[in-house]
Amino acid sequence: MAAGSHLITPAIMCGGSGTRLWPLSRETRPKQFFELTGGRSTFQQVLLRVRDPKIFTRPIVVTNSEFRFTVADQIQNCGCEADILLEPMARDSGPAICVASELAQRRDPAAVVLVLAADHIVHDDEDFRASCVKALAAAEAGRLVTFGVRPTAPATSYGYIKPGARLAGTDAFAVEKFVEKPNAEIAAGYVKDGYLWNSGNFLFRAAVMLSEVEKFEPEMHAVARASIDGLTTDLDFHRLPEGVFGKAPKKSIDYAVMERTTLTAVLPVDFGWSDIGSWAALWQELERDADGNAVEGPAVLLDTHNSLVRSDETILTTVIGLDDIIVVATSDAVLVVPKNQSEKVKDLVTILKSGKRPEATEHKRIYRPWGYYQGVDAGPRYQVKRIVVKPGGKLSLQKHHHRAEHWVVVKGAAEVTLDEDTRIVHENESIYLPIGSMHRLANPGRIPLELIEVQVGSYLGEDDIMRFEDIYHRG
């Protein structure tokens, strides 16, 4: 970094509605938490990309309260650290960036903030870091710098930026104008005329961004200040106050500030970027075989070309005689769509939501801070689940009013509390938990604990839980 330059505070936006890569990505677990490319989730890739202590300080992650344990788990699993800000509800990127900037400025009045999306990918991390350093001069001079990606094709799924004159003493350019997503003909013209893709990633001094927010969106600015004033600590998380943060206008930072301010700048970059905005975009990023196919999971293709076929878990997916398609099979949903129409998936999710289909938003596998459970079978008075508890994980001390449970351990060893008794239940052993009994499940071992749970009773809803003690502070 240049002498006198400030370290950069990454602010990672980790929300998302989980619609564009449905049925893999859903509202309860959006795409940034999945391993799409490179062996780690895109969120973890972002964390590792900004870990260089010569350039970056401790990141701030802004996420939904429902994702907090997944976020914390993925941060820990890649050996990183971060401050986690919990939004009580989504208010778009404007308020999220505003509260992150406010927190960064209170840490350091001269803070420089780098806003990054958790679900984007970058192929050249070194070039990315070099670009951040290049953008510093313009940011420290009071500019709000956006990273403009040099187009590799006339894409219709991105907004564009028309760069103006070069800013003296920097590698950045003034922004002549922002333009919305174009059709194919207009996009081709933009590429020919030197326009850049708008990556939606920004670098700026926190004080400058907050000043511009106060100018254009004074209510958003006031809510951000009051929200940081009212922060509370819950385990390793920082909760924004619901009654305060909920008053923030729901508006993107583009509409709130970037398209209204005179301080924008753009840095042209070539570090291999994609927002993975559709299954077709993901196909572009994956390794493909001689027929142009990207195959993930158990799948067999015959006379099929230039397609993406992804099959999760143990479902064998087969495709014959089709070209340029997307097939995604999960345990509870299957998507088949021509590759050139994959951006319509979010419209399909809207239809599913209107029909109150749980598959629209919820995964069959439900993640909890201690691990996860997944439905196996269900009937009028019973249901069967597979439960996996990570090492050191512990469920709440609880009881049920309407169901009894049978636990069969199939891997590892379970520490089971049943009323006044605590015992170890080993692999290939079982235990019965009567209706109304006080019980708790924990994994004291060093490998994941797996068990099959059979519930029997007159009501099997997840709300039939009375918690008495919970190390994760859930209600």
Foldseek 3Di string as FASTA:
>chain_A
DDPPFDAAAEEEEEADAQFFAPPVGFNLHHQQQDCLDDPGGLLLVVQVLQPPPVHHDAYEYEYAPSCVLSVVVSCVVSPHGHAYEHEPDAQAALLSVLLRLVVQCVVPVFHKYKYHYSQKDFQFSVLVSVLVVLCRVLQSVLFKEFEFEQDPALDQPFKKWDFDDDDPPGLKGFTPAIGHRDPSVVSVVCNVNRITTGNVIIIHGSVSLLVQLCVQPVLSSVLSVVQVVPWDDAPSHTYGDNVRNVSHHRDYCCVRGVRPDRRYIYRYGHRHMDSCSHVLSSLVVADADPQLEAEADAEEEELEHNEYEHEDDPDYYYYYNYYQWYWYYYPPDIDIGRNVCRSCSSVVLVVCVVVVPPSSHDDQWRADSQGIKGWDDDDQFKTKIKDKGAAFGKFFFKAFQWKKKKKAWQDAWKFKDWAPDTDIAGHRGMDIHDHPITMMIGHNDHGITIIMMMIGGNDDDPVRIDGDGGPNPDD
